[in-house]
Every structure is written in C-alpha cells, then in structure tokens.
PDB file of N, CA and C in Angstrom:
ATOM      1  N   MET A   1     -50.840  -3.583 -41.089  1.00  0.00           N
ATOM      2  CA  MET A   1     -52.174  -3.036 -40.984  1.00  0.00           C
ATOM      3  C   MET A   1     -53.057  -4.080 -40.309  1.00  0.00           C
ATOM      4  N   GLN A   2     -53.789  -3.653 -39.324  1.00  0.00           N
ATOM      5  CA  GLN A   2     -54.667  -4.560 -38.617  1.00  0.00           C
ATOM      6  C   GLN A   2     -55.974  -4.734 -39.376  1.00  0.00           C
ATOM      7  N   PHE A   3     -56.656  -5.816 -39.068  1.00  0.00           N
ATOM      8  CA  PHE A   3     -57.902  -6.131 -39.754  1.00  0.00           C
ATOM      9  C   PHE A   3     -58.953  -5.050 -39.517  1.00  0.00           C
ATOM     10  N   GLU A   4     -59.022  -4.518 -38.291  1.00  0.00           N
ATOM     11  CA  GLU A   4     -60.012  -3.492 -37.969  1.00  0.00           C
ATOM     12  C   GLU A   4     -59.770  -2.216 -38.774  1.00  0.00           C
ATOM     13  N   SER A   5     -58.505  -1.851 -38.954  1.00  0.00           N
ATOM     14  CA  SER A   5     -58.218  -0.642 -39.720  1.00  0.00           C
ATOM     15  C   SER A   5     -58.562  -0.831 -41.195  1.00  0.00           C
ATOM     16  N   LEU A   6     -58.412  -2.040 -41.694  1.00  0.00           N
ATOM     17  CA  LEU A   6     -58.797  -2.321 -43.073  1.00  0.00           C
ATOM     18  C   LEU A   6     -60.309  -2.195 -43.240  1.00  0.00           C
ATOM     19  N   ILE A   7     -61.060  -2.702 -42.291  1.00  0.00           N
ATOM     20  CA  ILE A   7     -62.525  -2.603 -42.335  1.00  0.00           C
ATOM     21  C   ILE A   7     -62.954  -1.139 -42.283  1.00  0.00           C
ATOM     22  N   VAL A   8     -62.332  -0.353 -41.403  1.00  0.00           N
ATOM     23  CA  VAL A   8     -62.672   1.070 -41.290  1.00  0.00           C
ATOM     24  C   VAL A   8     -62.331   1.793 -42.584  1.00  0.00           C
ATOM     25  N   MET A   9     -61.179   1.470 -43.190  1.00  0.00           N
ATOM     26  CA  MET A   9     -60.801   2.110 -44.450  1.00  0.00           C
ATOM     27  C   MET A   9     -61.812   1.776 -45.547  1.00  0.00           C
ATOM     28  N   LEU A  10     -62.298   0.543 -45.585  1.00  0.00           N
ATOM     29  CA  LEU A  10     -63.306   0.168 -46.575  1.00  0.00           C
ATOM     30  C   LEU A  10     -64.620   0.906 -46.342  1.00  0.00           C
ATOM     31  N   ILE A  11     -65.030   1.026 -45.089  1.00  0.00           N
ATOM     32  CA  ILE A  11     -66.268   1.753 -44.777  1.00  0.00           C
ATOM     33  C   ILE A  11     -66.141   3.221 -45.153  1.00  0.00           C
ATOM     34  N   VAL A  12     -65.004   3.814 -44.811  1.00  0.00           N
ATOM     35  CA  VAL A  12     -64.763   5.222 -45.168  1.00  0.00           C
ATOM     36  C   VAL A  12     -64.760   5.381 -46.686  1.00  0.00           C
ATOM     37  N   GLY A  13     -64.116   4.477 -47.393  1.00  0.00           N
ATOM     38  CA  GLY A  13     -64.069   4.547 -48.850  1.00  0.00           C
ATOM     39  C   GLY A  13     -65.435   4.396 -49.493  1.00  0.00           C
ATOM     40  N   LEU A  14     -66.241   3.482 -48.970  1.00  0.00           N
ATOM     41  CA  LEU A  14     -67.590   3.300 -49.513  1.00  0.00           C
ATOM     42  C   LEU A  14     -68.439   4.544 -49.300  1.00  0.00           C
ATOM     43  N   LEU A  15     -68.348   5.112 -48.113  1.00  0.00           N
ATOM     44  CA  LEU A  15     -69.089   6.334 -47.824  1.00  0.00           C
ATOM     45  C   LEU A  15     -68.596   7.496 -48.682  1.00  0.00           C
ATOM     46  N   ALA A  16     -67.289   7.604 -48.827  1.00  0.00           N
ATOM     47  CA  ALA A  16     -66.717   8.682 -49.650  1.00  0.00           C
ATOM     48  C   ALA A  16     -67.099   8.526 -51.114  1.00  0.00           C
ATOM     49  N   GLY A  17     -67.141   7.303 -51.604  1.00  0.00           N
ATOM     50  CA  GLY A  17     -67.548   7.070 -52.992  1.00  0.00           C
ATOM     51  C   GLY A  17     -68.985   7.479 -53.236  1.00  0.00           C
ATOM     52  N   TRP A  18     -69.848   7.190 -52.274  1.00  0.00           N
ATOM     53  CA  TRP A  18     -71.248   7.591 -52.402  1.00  0.00           C
ATOM     54  C   TRP A  18     -71.365   9.116 -52.407  1.00  0.00           C
ATOM     55  N   ILE A  19     -70.643   9.786 -51.514  1.00  0.00           N
ATOM     56  CA  ILE A  19     -70.684  11.252 -51.447  1.00  0.00           C
ATOM     57  C   ILE A  19     -70.117  11.846 -52.732  1.00  0.00           C
ATOM     58  N   ALA A  20     -69.002  11.295 -53.212  1.00  0.00           N
ATOM     59  CA  ALA A  20     -68.394  11.803 -54.443  1.00  0.00           C
ATOM     60  C   ALA A  20     -69.334  11.627 -55.631  1.00  0.00           C
ATOM     61  N   GLY A  21     -70.061  10.531 -55.669  1.00  0.00           N
ATOM     62  CA  GLY A  21     -71.039  10.320 -56.738  1.00  0.00           C
ATOM     63  C   GLY A  21     -72.141  11.356 -56.708  1.00  0.00           C
ATOM     64  N   LYS A  22     -72.555  11.764 -55.510  1.00  0.00           N
ATOM     65  CA  LYS A  22     -73.573  12.816 -55.387  1.00  0.00           C
ATOM     66  C   LYS A  22     -73.016  14.174 -55.804  1.00  0.00           C
ATOM     67  N   LEU A  23     -71.747  14.428 -55.483  1.00  0.00           N
ATOM     68  CA  LEU A  23     -71.139  15.708 -55.834  1.00  0.00           C
ATOM     69  C   LEU A  23     -70.828  15.821 -57.321  1.00  0.00           C
ATOM     70  N   MET A  24     -70.456  14.717 -57.945  1.00  0.00           N
ATOM     71  CA  MET A  24     -70.037  14.716 -59.347  1.00  0.00           C
ATOM     72  C   MET A  24     -71.126  14.098 -60.221  1.00  0.00           C
ATOM     73  N   LYS A  25     -72.294  14.674 -60.207  1.00  0.00           N
ATOM     74  CA  LYS A  25     -73.415  14.125 -60.978  1.00  0.00           C
ATOM     75  C   LYS A  25     -73.049  14.052 -62.460  1.00  0.00           C
ATOM     76  N   GLY A  26     -73.354  12.928 -63.066  1.00  0.00           N
ATOM     77  CA  GLY A  26     -73.088  12.737 -64.486  1.00  0.00           C
ATOM     78  C   GLY A  26     -71.715  12.181 -64.788  1.00  0.00           C
ATOM     79  N   ARG A  27     -70.833  12.086 -63.808  1.00  0.00           N
ATOM     80  CA  ARG A  27     -69.491  11.567 -64.049  1.00  0.00           C
ATOM     81  C   ARG A  27     -69.238  10.262 -63.318  1.00  0.00           C
ATOM     82  N   GLY A  28     -70.256   9.736 -62.692  1.00  0.00           N
ATOM     83  CA  GLY A  28     -70.076   8.550 -61.872  1.00  0.00           C
ATOM     84  C   GLY A  28     -70.267   7.266 -62.640  1.00  0.00           C
ATOM     85  N   PHE A  29     -70.186   6.180 -61.902  1.00  0.00           N
ATOM     86  CA  PHE A  29     -70.308   4.847 -62.466  1.00  0.00           C
ATOM     87  C   PHE A  29     -71.432   4.071 -61.812  1.00  0.00           C
ATOM     88  N   GLY A  30     -72.402   4.743 -61.274  1.00  0.00           N
ATOM     89  CA  GLY A  30     -73.461   4.075 -60.536  1.00  0.00           C
ATOM     90  C   GLY A  30     -73.051   3.899 -59.084  1.00  0.00           C
ATOM     91  N   LEU A  31     -73.949   3.381 -58.292  1.00  0.00           N
ATOM     92  CA  LEU A  31     -73.718   3.278 -56.855  1.00  0.00           C
ATOM     93  C   LEU A  31     -72.503   2.422 -56.524  1.00  0.00           C
ATOM     94  N   PHE A  32     -72.435   1.215 -57.056  1.00  0.00           N
ATOM     95  CA  PHE A  32     -71.337   0.319 -56.711  1.00  0.00           C
ATOM     96  C   PHE A  32     -70.022   0.753 -57.344  1.00  0.00           C
ATOM     97  N   GLY A  33     -70.066   1.265 -58.550  1.00  0.00           N
ATOM     98  CA  GLY A  33     -68.849   1.771 -59.187  1.00  0.00           C
ATOM     99  C   GLY A  33     -68.271   2.944 -58.432  1.00  0.00           C
ATOM    100  N   ASN A  34     -69.139   3.847 -57.983  1.00  0.00           N
ATOM    101  CA  ASN A  34     -68.670   4.993 -57.205  1.00  0.00           C
ATOM    102  C   ASN A  34     -68.091   4.557 -55.868  1.00  0.00           C
ATOM    103  N   MET A  35     -68.659   3.512 -55.277  1.00  0.00           N
ATOM    104  CA  MET A  35     -68.114   3.024 -54.014  1.00  0.00           C
ATOM    105  C   MET A  35     -66.721   2.436 -54.207  1.00  0.00           C
ATOM    106  N   ILE A  36     -66.506   1.748 -55.301  1.00  0.00           N
ATOM    107  CA  ILE A  36     -65.179   1.221 -55.595  1.00  0.00           C
ATOM    108  C   ILE A  36     -64.206   2.362 -55.839  1.00  0.00           C
ATOM    109  N   VAL A  37     -64.641   3.376 -56.581  1.00  0.00           N
ATOM    110  CA  VAL A  37     -63.801   4.559 -56.795  1.00  0.00           C
ATOM    111  C   VAL A  37     -63.511   5.243 -55.462  1.00  0.00           C
ATOM    112  N   GLY A  38     -64.471   5.233 -54.553  1.00  0.00           N
ATOM    113  CA  GLY A  38     -64.266   5.819 -53.232  1.00  0.00           C
ATOM    114  C   GLY A  38     -63.201   5.094 -52.440  1.00  0.00           C
ATOM    115  N   VAL A  39     -63.178   3.771 -52.520  1.00  0.00           N
ATOM    116  CA  VAL A  39     -62.153   2.995 -51.819  1.00  0.00           C
ATOM    117  C   VAL A  39     -60.776   3.305 -52.402  1.00  0.00           C
ATOM    118  N   VAL A  40     -60.678   3.363 -53.728  1.00  0.00           N
ATOM    119  CA  VAL A  40     -59.406   3.696 -54.377  1.00  0.00           C
ATOM    120  C   VAL A  40     -59.021   5.144 -54.064  1.00  0.00           C
ATOM    121  N   GLY A  41     -60.001   6.046 -54.078  1.00  0.00           N
ATOM    122  CA  GLY A  41     -59.742   7.443 -53.736  1.00  0.00           C
ATOM    123  C   GLY A  41     -59.283   7.607 -52.301  1.00  0.00           C
ATOM    124  N   ALA A  42     -59.835   6.807 -51.393  1.00  0.00           N
ATOM    125  CA  ALA A  42     -59.402   6.852 -49.993  1.00  0.00           C
ATOM    126  C   ALA A  42     -57.953   6.406 -49.872  1.00  0.00           C
ATOM    127  N   PHE A  43     -57.603   5.367 -50.616  1.00  0.00           N
ATOM    128  CA  PHE A  43     -56.223   4.891 -50.596  1.00  0.00           C
ATOM    129  C   PHE A  43     -55.274   5.941 -51.160  1.00  0.00           C
ATOM    130  N   LEU A  44     -55.648   6.548 -52.299  1.00  0.00           N
ATOM    131  CA  LEU A  44     -54.804   7.574 -52.902  1.00  0.00           C
ATOM    132  C   LEU A  44     -54.680   8.812 -52.011  1.00  0.00           C
ATOM    133  N   ALA A  45     -55.782   9.211 -51.404  1.00  0.00           N
ATOM    134  CA  ALA A  45     -55.748  10.362 -50.501  1.00  0.00           C
ATOM    135  C   ALA A  45     -54.867  10.072 -49.296  1.00  0.00           C
ATOM    136  N   GLY A  46     -54.887   8.834 -48.811  1.00  0.00           N
ATOM    137  CA  GLY A  46     -54.037   8.455 -47.696  1.00  0.00           C
ATOM    138  C   GLY A  46     -52.568   8.495 -48.040  1.00  0.00           C
ATOM    139  N   LEU A  47     -52.235   8.330 -49.314  1.00  0.00           N
ATOM    140  CA  LEU A  47     -50.843   8.399 -49.740  1.00  0.00           C
ATOM    141  C   LEU A  47     -50.406   9.815 -50.107  1.00  0.00           C
ATOM    142  N   ILE A  48     -51.263  10.533 -50.818  1.00  0.00           N
ATOM    143  CA  ILE A  48     -50.870  11.818 -51.402  1.00  0.00           C
ATOM    144  C   ILE A  48     -50.969  12.972 -50.409  1.00  0.00           C
ATOM    145  N   PHE A  49     -52.075  13.084 -49.682  1.00  0.00           N
ATOM    146  CA  PHE A  49     -52.288  14.251 -48.825  1.00  0.00           C
ATOM    147  C   PHE A  49     -51.245  14.406 -47.725  1.00  0.00           C
ATOM    148  N   PRO A  50     -50.847  13.352 -47.030  1.00  0.00           N
ATOM    149  CA  PRO A  50     -49.790  13.550 -46.027  1.00  0.00           C
ATOM    150  C   PRO A  50     -48.460  13.974 -46.643  1.00  0.00           C
ATOM    151  N   ALA A  51     -48.172  13.493 -47.851  1.00  0.00           N
ATOM    152  CA  ALA A  51     -46.936  13.891 -48.520  1.00  0.00           C
ATOM    153  C   ALA A  51     -46.955  15.368 -48.899  1.00  0.00           C
ATOM    154  N   LEU A  52     -48.152  15.898 -49.178  1.00  0.00           N
ATOM    155  CA  LEU A  52     -48.283  17.317 -49.518  1.00  0.00           C
ATOM    156  C   LEU A  52     -48.398  18.206 -48.286  1.00  0.00           C
ATOM    157  N   GLY A  53     -48.550  17.586 -47.131  1.00  0.00           N
ATOM    158  CA  GLY A  53     -48.694  18.350 -45.899  1.00  0.00           C
ATOM    159  C   GLY A  53     -50.108  18.813 -45.635  1.00  0.00           C
ATOM    160  N   PHE A  54     -51.057  18.269 -46.365  1.00  0.00           N
ATOM    161  CA  PHE A  54     -52.461  18.640 -46.206  1.00  0.00           C
ATOM    162  C   PHE A  54     -53.095  17.733 -45.171  1.00  0.00           C
ATOM    163  N   ALA A  55     -53.546  18.305 -44.069  1.00  0.00           N
ATOM    164  CA  ALA A  55     -54.164  17.504 -43.017  1.00  0.00           C
ATOM    165  C   ALA A  55     -55.294  18.304 -42.384  1.00  0.00           C
ATOM    166  N   VAL A  56     -56.431  17.661 -42.221  1.00  0.00           N
ATOM    167  CA  VAL A  56     -57.580  18.293 -41.590  1.00  0.00           C
ATOM    168  C   VAL A  56     -57.629  17.932 -40.119  1.00  0.00           C
ATOM    169  N   GLY A  57     -57.094  16.821 -39.775  1.00  0.00           N
ATOM    170  CA  GLY A  57     -57.115  16.340 -38.401  1.00  0.00           C
ATOM    171  C   GLY A  57     -57.329  14.844 -38.397  1.00  0.00           C
ATOM    172  N   GLY A  58     -57.526  14.295 -37.233  1.00  0.00           N
ATOM    173  CA  GLY A  58     -57.748  12.865 -37.127  1.00  0.00           C
ATOM    174  C   GLY A  58     -59.211  12.553 -36.922  1.00  0.00           C
ATOM    175  N   GLY A  59     -59.526  11.297 -36.925  1.00  0.00           N
ATOM    176  CA  GLY A  59     -60.889  10.879 -36.668  1.00  0.00           C
ATOM    177  C   GLY A  59     -61.628  10.450 -37.916  1.00  0.00           C
ATOM    178  N   PHE A  60     -62.828   9.984 -37.683  1.00  0.00           N
ATOM    179  CA  PHE A  60     -63.647   9.429 -38.751  1.00  0.00           C
ATOM    180  C   PHE A  60     -64.076  10.488 -39.760  1.00  0.00           C
ATOM    181  N   ILE A  61     -64.520  11.651 -39.276  1.00  0.00           N
ATOM    182  CA  ILE A  61     -65.004  12.718 -40.176  1.00  0.00           C
ATOM    183  C   ILE A  61     -63.878  13.222 -41.072  1.00  0.00           C
ATOM    184  N   ALA A  62     -62.690  13.410 -40.502  1.00  0.00           N
ATOM    185  CA  ALA A  62     -61.552  13.860 -41.304  1.00  0.00           C
ATOM    186  C   ALA A  62     -61.174  12.811 -42.336  1.00  0.00           C
ATOM    187  N   SER A  63     -61.260  11.547 -41.976  1.00  0.00           N
ATOM    188  CA  SER A  63     -60.953  10.475 -42.923  1.00  0.00           C
ATOM    189  C   SER A  63     -61.955  10.459 -44.070  1.00  0.00           C
ATOM    190  N   VAL A  64     -63.227  10.641 -43.757  1.00  0.00           N
ATOM    191  CA  VAL A  64     -64.251  10.692 -44.799  1.00  0.00           C
ATOM    192  C   VAL A  64     -64.028  11.910 -45.698  1.00  0.00           C
ATOM    193  N   PHE A  65     -63.652  13.043 -45.106  1.00  0.00           N
ATOM    194  CA  PHE A  65     -63.381  14.252 -45.884  1.00  0.00           C
ATOM    195  C   PHE A  65     -62.216  14.031 -46.848  1.00  0.00           C
ATOM    196  N   HIS A  66     -61.103  13.496 -46.352  1.00  0.00           N
ATOM    197  CA  HIS A  66     -59.949  13.206 -47.209  1.00  0.00           C
ATOM    198  C   HIS A  66     -60.320  12.229 -48.317  1.00  0.00           C
ATOM    199  N   ALA A  67     -60.997  11.157 -47.953  1.00  0.00           N
ATOM    200  CA  ALA A  67     -61.357  10.141 -48.938  1.00  0.00           C
ATOM    201  C   ALA A  67     -62.323  10.688 -49.987  1.00  0.00           C
ATOM    202  N   THR A  68     -63.230  11.562 -49.576  1.00  0.00           N
ATOM    203  CA  THR A  68     -64.166  12.167 -50.526  1.00  0.00           C
ATOM    204  C   THR A  68     -63.427  13.050 -51.516  1.00  0.00           C
ATOM    205  N   ILE A  69     -62.481  13.832 -51.039  1.00  0.00           N
ATOM    206  CA  ILE A  69     -61.680  14.661 -51.946  1.00  0.00           C
ATOM    207  C   ILE A  69     -60.913  13.769 -52.922  1.00  0.00           C
ATOM    208  N   GLY A  70     -60.308  12.693 -52.416  1.00  0.00           N
ATOM    209  CA  GLY A  70     -59.597  11.771 -53.288  1.00  0.00           C
ATOM    210  C   GLY A  70     -60.514  11.124 -54.313  1.00  0.00           C
ATOM    211  N   ALA A  71     -61.715  10.750 -53.906  1.00  0.00           N
ATOM    212  CA  ALA A  71     -62.667  10.124 -54.830  1.00  0.00           C
ATOM    213  C   ALA A  71     -63.173  11.117 -55.877  1.00  0.00           C
ATOM    214  N   VAL A  72     -63.414  12.358 -55.474  1.00  0.00           N
ATOM    215  CA  VAL A  72     -63.852  13.379 -56.438  1.00  0.00           C
ATOM    216  C   VAL A  72     -62.763  13.629 -57.468  1.00  0.00           C
ATOM    217  N   ILE A  73     -61.523  13.736 -57.021  1.00  0.00           N
ATOM    218  CA  ILE A  73     -60.411  13.937 -57.958  1.00  0.00           C
ATOM    219  C   ILE A  73     -60.303  12.747 -58.908  1.00  0.00           C
ATOM    220  N   LEU A  74     -60.417  11.545 -58.366  1.00  0.00           N
ATOM    221  CA  LEU A  74     -60.335  10.351 -59.198  1.00  0.00           C
ATOM    222  C   LEU A  74     -61.488  10.278 -60.192  1.00  0.00           C
ATOM    223  N   LEU A  75     -62.701  10.607 -59.774  1.00  0.00           N
ATOM    224  CA  LEU A  75     -63.841  10.632 -60.708  1.00  0.00           C
ATOM    225  C   LEU A  75     -63.637  11.666 -61.798  1.00  0.00           C
ATOM    226  N   PHE A  76     -63.081  12.813 -61.443  1.00  0.00           N
ATOM    227  CA  PHE A  76     -62.811  13.859 -62.429  1.00  0.00           C
ATOM    228  C   PHE A  76     -61.802  13.387 -63.469  1.00  0.00           C
ATOM    229  N   VAL A  77     -60.714  12.785 -63.009  1.00  0.00           N
ATOM    230  CA  VAL A  77     -59.665  12.300 -63.930  1.00  0.00           C
ATOM    231  C   VAL A  77     -60.200  11.170 -64.806  1.00  0.00           C
ATOM    232  N   ILE A  78     -60.966  10.250 -64.217  1.00  0.00           N
ATOM    233  CA  ILE A  78     -61.539   9.161 -65.009  1.00  0.00           C
ATOM    234  C   ILE A  78     -62.518   9.723 -66.035  1.00  0.00           C
ATOM    235  N   GLY A  79     -63.278  10.747 -65.654  1.00  0.00           N
ATOM    236  CA  GLY A  79     -64.198  11.397 -66.593  1.00  0.00           C
ATOM    237  C   GLY A  79     -63.470  12.033 -67.761  1.00  0.00           C
ATOM    238  N   LEU A  80     -62.328  12.639 -67.477  1.00  0.00           N
ATOM    239  CA  LEU A  80     -61.526  13.223 -68.565  1.00  0.00           C
ATOM    240  C   LEU A  80     -60.983  12.152 -69.500  1.00  0.00           C
ATOM    241  N   ILE A  81     -60.554  11.044 -68.928  1.00  0.00           N
ATOM    242  CA  ILE A  81     -60.004   9.959 -69.757  1.00  0.00           C
ATOM    243  C   ILE A  81     -61.107   9.318 -70.591  1.00  0.00           C
ATOM    244  N   ARG A  82     -62.298   9.164 -70.012  1.00  0.00           N
ATOM    245  CA  ARG A  82     -63.407   8.558 -70.758  1.00  0.00           C
ATOM    246  C   ARG A  82     -63.825   9.419 -71.945  1.00  0.00           C
ATOM    247  N   LYS A  83     -63.734  10.748 -71.821  1.00  0.00           N
ATOM    248  CA  LYS A  83     -64.133  11.642 -72.897  1.00  0.00           C
ATOM    249  C   LYS A  83     -63.105  11.655 -74.029  1.00  0.00           C
ATOM    250  N   ALA A  84     -61.867  11.357 -73.723  1.00  0.00           N
ATOM    251  CA  ALA A  84     -60.799  11.427 -74.725  1.00  0.00           C
ATOM    252  C   ALA A  84     -60.844  10.268 -75.694  1.00  0.00           C
TER     253      ALA A  84
END
C-alpha cells in the first residue's frame, strides 16, 4: 500500500465517520470517536463488500459511500453491545 492511498483511506474514513454519526444520532461516540469508527468501518467495508460482490463503482464518492455503510453498521453493532 502506498503512502498516498493510506492518506486517502484515512480521509475517506474520517468523512464517513462524520456522516455515520449524523445518520445514527444517539449511537455515536462524539466527533472524534465517530471519525475513528469511520476509519475502522472503511477498512471493514473494504474487506467485506468486495467479498460479497457488492460494488457501487470506483472513485472518491463510491469509497465514501462504502465506508459510510461500514461505519453505520459498526456503530449499530457497537450500540447493541453497549446496551447489553
């Protein structure tokens, strides 16, 4: 992995975490916590979605979309674990 791709993945993850925090009101961890969840969600989405055959396309917008879905799923699962 090149350094530039790592930087882009971090930017996409931070943006996705912020969007996921707005979508999942009440289940977030604040601005910085949601951004960290977004980075982890971007990584998980990058692993899981291609294996499932789910692809929206290439480019920055598609990457943000995938990462946001991954972050929302991760926030939902973390919310379920926190309630238990």
